[in-house]
């Protein structure tokens, strides 16, 4: 990965603003 996790959250947020009946990563959390 060449990914900037330190970039301000408000800037990176748009790609991760899904509203869904099932939260993402449900299997991972399980």
ModelCIF file with pLDDT and N, C-alpha, C, O atoms, coordinates in Angstrom:
data_MODEL
#
_entry.id   MODEL 
#
_entity.id                         1 
_entity.type                       polymer 
_entity.pdbx_number_of_molecules   1 
#
_entity_poly.entity_id                      1 
_entity_poly.type                           'polypeptide(L)' 
_entity_poly.nstd_linkage                   no 
_entity_poly.nstd_monomer                   no 
_entity_poly.pdbx_seq_one_letter_code       
;(UNK)(UNK)(UNK)(UNK)(UNK)(UNK)(UNK)(UNK)(UNK)(UNK)(UNK)(UNK)(UNK)(UNK)(UNK)(UNK)
(UNK)(UNK)(UNK)(UNK)(UNK)(UNK)(UNK)(UNK)(UNK)(UNK)(UNK)(UNK)(UNK)(UNK)
;
_entity_poly.pdbx_seq_one_letter_code_can   XXXXXXXXXXXXXXXXXXXXXXXXXXXXXX 
_entity_poly.pdbx_strand_id                 A 
#
loop_
_entity_poly_seq.entity_id 
_entity_poly_seq.num 
_entity_poly_seq.mon_id 
_entity_poly_seq.hetero 
1 1  UNK n 
1 2  UNK n 
1 3  UNK n 
1 4  UNK n 
1 5  UNK n 
1 6  UNK n 
1 7  UNK n 
1 8  UNK n 
1 9  UNK n 
1 10 UNK n 
1 11 UNK n 
1 12 UNK n 
1 13 UNK n 
1 14 UNK n 
1 15 UNK n 
1 16 UNK n 
1 17 UNK n 
1 18 UNK n 
1 19 UNK n 
1 20 UNK n 
1 21 UNK n 
1 22 UNK n 
1 23 UNK n 
1 24 UNK n 
1 25 UNK n 
1 26 UNK n 
1 27 UNK n 
1 28 UNK n 
1 29 UNK n 
1 30 UNK n 
#
_struct_asym.id          A 
_struct_asym.entity_id   1 
#
loop_
_ma_qa_metric.id 
_ma_qa_metric.mode 
_ma_qa_metric.name 
_ma_qa_metric.software_group_id 
_ma_qa_metric.type 
1 global pLDDT . pLDDT 
2 local  pLDDT . pLDDT 
#
_ma_qa_metric_global.metric_id      1 
_ma_qa_metric_global.metric_value   48.83 
_ma_qa_metric_global.model_id       1 
_ma_qa_metric_global.ordinal_id     1 
#
loop_
_ma_qa_metric_local.label_asym_id 
_ma_qa_metric_local.label_comp_id 
_ma_qa_metric_local.label_seq_id 
_ma_qa_metric_local.metric_id 
_ma_qa_metric_local.metric_value 
_ma_qa_metric_local.model_id 
_ma_qa_metric_local.ordinal_id 
A UNK 1  2 84.00 1 1  
A UNK 2  2 84.00 1 2  
A UNK 3  2 85.00 1 3  
A UNK 4  2 86.00 1 4  
A UNK 5  2 76.00 1 5  
A UNK 6  2 73.00 1 6  
A UNK 7  2 78.00 1 7  
A UNK 8  2 67.00 1 8  
A UNK 9  2 51.00 1 9  
A UNK 10 2 46.00 1 10 
A UNK 11 2 46.00 1 11 
A UNK 12 2 42.00 1 12 
A UNK 13 2 42.00 1 13 
A UNK 14 2 40.00 1 14 
A UNK 15 2 39.00 1 15 
A UNK 16 2 38.00 1 16 
A UNK 17 2 40.00 1 17 
A UNK 18 2 39.00 1 18 
A UNK 19 2 37.00 1 19 
A UNK 20 2 35.00 1 20 
A UNK 21 2 31.00 1 21 
A UNK 22 2 32.00 1 22 
A UNK 23 2 33.00 1 23 
A UNK 24 2 33.00 1 24 
A UNK 25 2 35.00 1 25 
A UNK 26 2 35.00 1 26 
A UNK 27 2 35.00 1 27 
A UNK 28 2 34.00 1 28 
A UNK 29 2 34.00 1 29 
A UNK 30 2 35.00 1 30 
#
loop_
_atom_site.group_PDB 
_atom_site.id 
_atom_site.type_symbol 
_atom_site.label_atom_id 
_atom_site.label_alt_id 
_atom_site.label_comp_id 
_atom_site.label_asym_id 
_atom_site.label_entity_id 
_atom_site.label_seq_id 
_atom_site.pdbx_PDB_ins_code 
_atom_site.Cartn_x 
_atom_site.Cartn_y 
_atom_site.Cartn_z 
_atom_site.occupancy 
_atom_site.B_iso_or_equiv 
_atom_site.pdbx_formal_charge 
_atom_site.auth_seq_id 
_atom_site.auth_comp_id 
_atom_site.auth_asym_id 
_atom_site.auth_atom_id 
_atom_site.pdbx_PDB_model_num 
ATOM 1   N N  . UNK A 1 1  ? 0.816   -1.200  0.000  1.00 84.00 ? 1  UNK A N  1 
ATOM 2   C CA . UNK A 1 1  ? 0.000   0.000   0.000  1.00 84.00 ? 1  UNK A CA 1 
ATOM 3   C C  . UNK A 1 1  ? 0.859   1.262   0.000  1.00 84.00 ? 1  UNK A C  1 
ATOM 4   O O  . UNK A 1 1  ? 1.844   1.360   0.731  1.00 84.00 ? 1  UNK A O  1 
ATOM 5   N N  . UNK A 1 2  ? 0.468   2.220   -0.830 1.00 84.00 ? 2  UNK A N  1 
ATOM 6   C CA . UNK A 1 2  ? 0.994   3.583   -0.752 1.00 84.00 ? 2  UNK A CA 1 
ATOM 7   C C  . UNK A 1 2  ? -0.203  4.442   -0.365 1.00 84.00 ? 2  UNK A C  1 
ATOM 8   O O  . UNK A 1 2  ? -0.839  5.069   -1.212 1.00 84.00 ? 2  UNK A O  1 
ATOM 9   N N  . UNK A 1 3  ? -0.495  4.456   0.932  1.00 85.00 ? 3  UNK A N  1 
ATOM 10  C CA . UNK A 1 3  ? -1.733  5.047   1.441  1.00 85.00 ? 3  UNK A CA 1 
ATOM 11  C C  . UNK A 1 3  ? -1.406  5.975   2.594  1.00 85.00 ? 3  UNK A C  1 
ATOM 12  O O  . UNK A 1 3  ? -0.565  5.659   3.435  1.00 85.00 ? 3  UNK A O  1 
ATOM 13  N N  . UNK A 1 4  ? -2.079  7.135   2.637  1.00 86.00 ? 4  UNK A N  1 
ATOM 14  C CA . UNK A 1 4  ? -1.850  8.128   3.687  1.00 86.00 ? 4  UNK A CA 1 
ATOM 15  C C  . UNK A 1 4  ? -2.947  8.016   4.743  1.00 86.00 ? 4  UNK A C  1 
ATOM 16  O O  . UNK A 1 4  ? -4.012  8.620   4.613  1.00 86.00 ? 4  UNK A O  1 
ATOM 17  N N  . UNK A 1 5  ? -2.677  7.243   5.782  1.00 76.00 ? 5  UNK A N  1 
ATOM 18  C CA . UNK A 1 5  ? -3.639  7.122   6.865  1.00 76.00 ? 5  UNK A CA 1 
ATOM 19  C C  . UNK A 1 5  ? -3.589  8.336   7.779  1.00 76.00 ? 5  UNK A C  1 
ATOM 20  O O  . UNK A 1 5  ? -4.525  8.592   8.537  1.00 76.00 ? 5  UNK A O  1 
ATOM 21  N N  . UNK A 1 6  ? -2.481  9.090   7.702  1.00 73.00 ? 6  UNK A N  1 
ATOM 22  C CA . UNK A 1 6  ? -2.325  10.271  8.552  1.00 73.00 ? 6  UNK A CA 1 
ATOM 23  C C  . UNK A 1 6  ? -3.026  11.491  7.987  1.00 73.00 ? 6  UNK A C  1 
ATOM 24  O O  . UNK A 1 6  ? -3.132  12.508  8.673  1.00 73.00 ? 6  UNK A O  1 
ATOM 25  N N  . UNK A 1 7  ? -3.512  11.417  6.742  1.00 78.00 ? 7  UNK A N  1 
ATOM 26  C CA . UNK A 1 7  ? -4.188  12.566  6.151  1.00 78.00 ? 7  UNK A CA 1 
ATOM 27  C C  . UNK A 1 7  ? -5.446  12.882  6.956  1.00 78.00 ? 7  UNK A C  1 
ATOM 28  O O  . UNK A 1 7  ? -6.120  11.971  7.435  1.00 78.00 ? 7  UNK A O  1 
ATOM 29  N N  . UNK A 1 8  ? -5.768  14.178  7.109  1.00 67.00 ? 8  UNK A N  1 
ATOM 30  C CA . UNK A 1 8  ? -6.929  14.560  7.926  1.00 67.00 ? 8  UNK A CA 1 
ATOM 31  C C  . UNK A 1 8  ? -8.181  13.796  7.556  1.00 67.00 ? 8  UNK A C  1 
ATOM 32  O O  . UNK A 1 8  ? -8.515  13.675  6.377  1.00 67.00 ? 8  UNK A O  1 
ATOM 33  N N  . UNK A 1 9  ? -8.881  13.277  8.564  1.00 51.00 ? 9  UNK A N  1 
ATOM 34  C CA . UNK A 1 9  ? -10.033 12.401  8.335  1.00 51.00 ? 9  UNK A CA 1 
ATOM 35  C C  . UNK A 1 9  ? -11.126 13.087  7.533  1.00 51.00 ? 9  UNK A C  1 
ATOM 36  O O  . UNK A 1 9  ? -11.783 12.444  6.715  1.00 51.00 ? 9  UNK A O  1 
ATOM 37  N N  . UNK A 1 10 ? -11.331 14.364  7.749  1.00 46.00 ? 10 UNK A N  1 
ATOM 38  C CA . UNK A 1 10 ? -12.382 15.076  7.042  1.00 46.00 ? 10 UNK A CA 1 
ATOM 39  C C  . UNK A 1 10 ? -12.149 15.176  5.560  1.00 46.00 ? 10 UNK A C  1 
ATOM 40  O O  . UNK A 1 10 ? -13.079 15.386  4.782  1.00 46.00 ? 10 UNK A O  1 
ATOM 41  N N  . UNK A 1 11 ? -10.870 15.019  5.163  1.00 46.00 ? 11 UNK A N  1 
ATOM 42  C CA . UNK A 1 11 ? -10.541 15.092  3.748  1.00 46.00 ? 11 UNK A CA 1 
ATOM 43  C C  . UNK A 1 11 ? -10.726 13.743  3.092  1.00 46.00 ? 11 UNK A C  1 
ATOM 44  O O  . UNK A 1 11 ? -11.215 13.655  1.966  1.00 46.00 ? 11 UNK A O  1 
ATOM 45  N N  . UNK A 1 12 ? -10.337 12.693  3.789  1.00 42.00 ? 12 UNK A N  1 
ATOM 46  C CA . UNK A 1 12 ? -10.395 11.360  3.203  1.00 42.00 ? 12 UNK A CA 1 
ATOM 47  C C  . UNK A 1 12 ? -11.777 10.750  3.326  1.00 42.00 ? 12 UNK A C  1 
ATOM 48  O O  . UNK A 1 12 ? -12.077 9.769   2.645  1.00 42.00 ? 12 UNK A O  1 
ATOM 49  N N  . UNK A 1 13 ? -12.612 11.298  4.166  1.00 42.00 ? 13 UNK A N  1 
ATOM 50  C CA . UNK A 1 13 ? -13.891 10.686  4.518  1.00 42.00 ? 13 UNK A CA 1 
ATOM 51  C C  . UNK A 1 13 ? -14.819 10.360  3.376  1.00 42.00 ? 13 UNK A C  1 
ATOM 52  O O  . UNK A 1 13 ? -15.468 9.316   3.452  1.00 42.00 ? 13 UNK A O  1 
ATOM 53  N N  . UNK A 1 14 ? -14.952 11.163  2.301  1.00 40.00 ? 14 UNK A N  1 
ATOM 54  C CA . UNK A 1 14 ? -15.991 10.924  1.330  1.00 40.00 ? 14 UNK A CA 1 
ATOM 55  C C  . UNK A 1 14 ? -16.089 9.518   0.796  1.00 40.00 ? 14 UNK A C  1 
ATOM 56  O O  . UNK A 1 14 ? -17.194 9.032   0.553  1.00 40.00 ? 14 UNK A O  1 
ATOM 57  N N  . UNK A 1 15 ? -14.975 8.852   0.606  1.00 39.00 ? 15 UNK A N  1 
ATOM 58  C CA . UNK A 1 15 ? -15.030 7.506   0.046  1.00 39.00 ? 15 UNK A CA 1 
ATOM 59  C C  . UNK A 1 15 ? -15.596 6.507   1.036  1.00 39.00 ? 15 UNK A C  1 
ATOM 60  O O  . UNK A 1 15 ? -15.942 5.392   0.647  1.00 39.00 ? 15 UNK A O  1 
ATOM 61  N N  . UNK A 1 16 ? -15.698 6.870   2.282  1.00 38.00 ? 16 UNK A N  1 
ATOM 62  C CA . UNK A 1 16 ? -16.119 5.925   3.311  1.00 38.00 ? 16 UNK A CA 1 
ATOM 63  C C  . UNK A 1 16 ? -17.385 6.349   4.006  1.00 38.00 ? 16 UNK A C  1 
ATOM 64  O O  . UNK A 1 16 ? -17.605 6.006   5.168  1.00 38.00 ? 16 UNK A O  1 
ATOM 65  N N  . UNK A 1 17 ? -18.233 7.102   3.298  1.00 40.00 ? 17 UNK A N  1 
ATOM 66  C CA . UNK A 1 17 ? -19.445 7.613   3.951  1.00 40.00 ? 17 UNK A CA 1 
ATOM 67  C C  . UNK A 1 17 ? -20.672 6.872   3.465  1.00 40.00 ? 17 UNK A C  1 
ATOM 68  O O  . UNK A 1 17 ? -21.667 7.492   3.089  1.00 40.00 ? 17 UNK A O  1 
ATOM 69  N N  . UNK A 1 18 ? -20.611 5.555   3.468  1.00 39.00 ? 18 UNK A N  1 
ATOM 70  C CA . UNK A 1 18 ? -21.742 4.759   3.046  1.00 39.00 ? 18 UNK A CA 1 
ATOM 71  C C  . UNK A 1 18 ? -22.741 4.608   4.176  1.00 39.00 ? 18 UNK A C  1 
ATOM 72  O O  . UNK A 1 18 ? -22.364 4.362   5.322  1.00 39.00 ? 18 UNK A O  1 
ATOM 73  N N  . UNK A 1 19 ? -23.996 4.754   3.857  1.00 37.00 ? 19 UNK A N  1 
ATOM 74  C CA . UNK A 1 19 ? -25.068 4.496   4.817  1.00 37.00 ? 19 UNK A CA 1 
ATOM 75  C C  . UNK A 1 19 ? -25.681 3.167   4.411  1.00 37.00 ? 19 UNK A C  1 
ATOM 76  O O  . UNK A 1 19 ? -26.189 3.036   3.297  1.00 37.00 ? 19 UNK A O  1 
ATOM 77  N N  . UNK A 1 20 ? -25.642 2.201   5.275  1.00 35.00 ? 20 UNK A N  1 
ATOM 78  C CA . UNK A 1 20 ? -26.021 0.857   4.857  1.00 35.00 ? 20 UNK A CA 1 
ATOM 79  C C  . UNK A 1 20 ? -26.772 0.150   5.964  1.00 35.00 ? 20 UNK A C  1 
ATOM 80  O O  . UNK A 1 20 ? -26.590 0.438   7.147  1.00 35.00 ? 20 UNK A O  1 
ATOM 81  N N  . UNK A 1 21 ? -27.638 -0.800  5.551  1.00 31.00 ? 21 UNK A N  1 
ATOM 82  C CA . UNK A 1 21 ? -28.366 -1.593  6.533  1.00 31.00 ? 21 UNK A CA 1 
ATOM 83  C C  . UNK A 1 21 ? -27.431 -2.511  7.295  1.00 31.00 ? 21 UNK A C  1 
ATOM 84  O O  . UNK A 1 21 ? -27.695 -2.834  8.453  1.00 31.00 ? 21 UNK A O  1 
ATOM 85  N N  . UNK A 1 22 ? -26.331 -2.941  6.663  1.00 32.00 ? 22 UNK A N  1 
ATOM 86  C CA . UNK A 1 22 ? -25.340 -3.783  7.317  1.00 32.00 ? 22 UNK A CA 1 
ATOM 87  C C  . UNK A 1 22 ? -24.023 -3.041  7.349  1.00 32.00 ? 22 UNK A C  1 
ATOM 88  O O  . UNK A 1 22 ? -23.524 -2.647  6.295  1.00 32.00 ? 22 UNK A O  1 
ATOM 89  N N  . UNK A 1 23 ? -23.437 -2.832  8.524  1.00 33.00 ? 23 UNK A N  1 
ATOM 90  C CA . UNK A 1 23 ? -22.203 -2.063  8.594  1.00 33.00 ? 23 UNK A CA 1 
ATOM 91  C C  . UNK A 1 23 ? -21.068 -2.768  7.892  1.00 33.00 ? 23 UNK A C  1 
ATOM 92  O O  . UNK A 1 23 ? -21.009 -3.997  7.911  1.00 33.00 ? 23 UNK A O  1 
ATOM 93  N N  . UNK A 1 24 ? -20.134 -2.007  7.253  1.00 33.00 ? 24 UNK A N  1 
ATOM 94  C CA . UNK A 1 24 ? -19.015 -2.633  6.581  1.00 33.00 ? 24 UNK A CA 1 
ATOM 95  C C  . UNK A 1 24 ? -18.122 -3.345  7.578  1.00 33.00 ? 24 UNK A C  1 
ATOM 96  O O  . UNK A 1 24 ? -17.986 -2.944  8.734  1.00 33.00 ? 24 UNK A O  1 
ATOM 97  N N  . UNK A 1 25 ? -17.516 -4.421  7.085  1.00 35.00 ? 25 UNK A N  1 
ATOM 98  C CA . UNK A 1 25 ? -16.585 -5.143  7.930  1.00 35.00 ? 25 UNK A CA 1 
ATOM 99  C C  . UNK A 1 25 ? -17.259 -5.990  8.992  1.00 35.00 ? 25 UNK A C  1 
ATOM 100 O O  . UNK A 1 25 ? -16.636 -6.321  10.000 1.00 35.00 ? 25 UNK A O  1 
ATOM 101 N N  . UNK A 1 26 ? -18.521 -6.347  8.786  1.00 35.00 ? 26 UNK A N  1 
ATOM 102 C CA . UNK A 1 26 ? -19.247 -7.096  9.812  1.00 35.00 ? 26 UNK A CA 1 
ATOM 103 C C  . UNK A 1 26 ? -18.582 -8.440  10.079 1.00 35.00 ? 26 UNK A C  1 
ATOM 104 O O  . UNK A 1 26 ? -18.480 -8.870  11.228 1.00 35.00 ? 26 UNK A O  1 
ATOM 105 N N  . UNK A 1 27 ? -18.126 -9.106  9.010  1.00 35.00 ? 27 UNK A N  1 
ATOM 106 C CA . UNK A 1 27 ? -17.469 -10.391 9.186  1.00 35.00 ? 27 UNK A CA 1 
ATOM 107 C C  . UNK A 1 27 ? -16.174 -10.272 9.953  1.00 35.00 ? 27 UNK A C  1 
ATOM 108 O O  . UNK A 1 27 ? -15.846 -11.144 10.757 1.00 35.00 ? 27 UNK A O  1 
ATOM 109 N N  . UNK A 1 28 ? -15.430 -9.200  9.717  1.00 34.00 ? 28 UNK A N  1 
ATOM 110 C CA . UNK A 1 28 ? -14.176 -8.964  10.422 1.00 34.00 ? 28 UNK A CA 1 
ATOM 111 C C  . UNK A 1 28 ? -14.415 -8.781  11.906 1.00 34.00 ? 28 UNK A C  1 
ATOM 112 O O  . UNK A 1 28 ? -13.721 -9.369  12.736 1.00 34.00 ? 28 UNK A O  1 
ATOM 113 N N  . UNK A 1 29 ? -15.408 -7.956  12.237 1.00 34.00 ? 29 UNK A N  1 
ATOM 114 C CA . UNK A 1 29 ? -15.719 -7.730  13.643 1.00 34.00 ? 29 UNK A CA 1 
ATOM 115 C C  . UNK A 1 29 ? -16.182 -9.013  14.314 1.00 34.00 ? 29 UNK A C  1 
ATOM 116 O O  . UNK A 1 29 ? -15.874 -9.260  15.479 1.00 34.00 ? 29 UNK A O  1 
ATOM 117 N N  . UNK A 1 30 ? -16.921 -9.825  13.573 1.00 35.00 ? 30 UNK A N  1 
ATOM 118 C CA . UNK A 1 30 ? -17.375 -11.092 14.135 1.00 35.00 ? 30 UNK A CA 1 
ATOM 119 C C  . UNK A 1 30 ? -16.170 -11.981 14.460 1.00 35.00 ? 30 UNK A C  1 
ATOM 120 O O  . UNK A 1 30 ? -16.340 -13.099 14.945 1.00 35.00 ? 30 UNK A O  1 
#
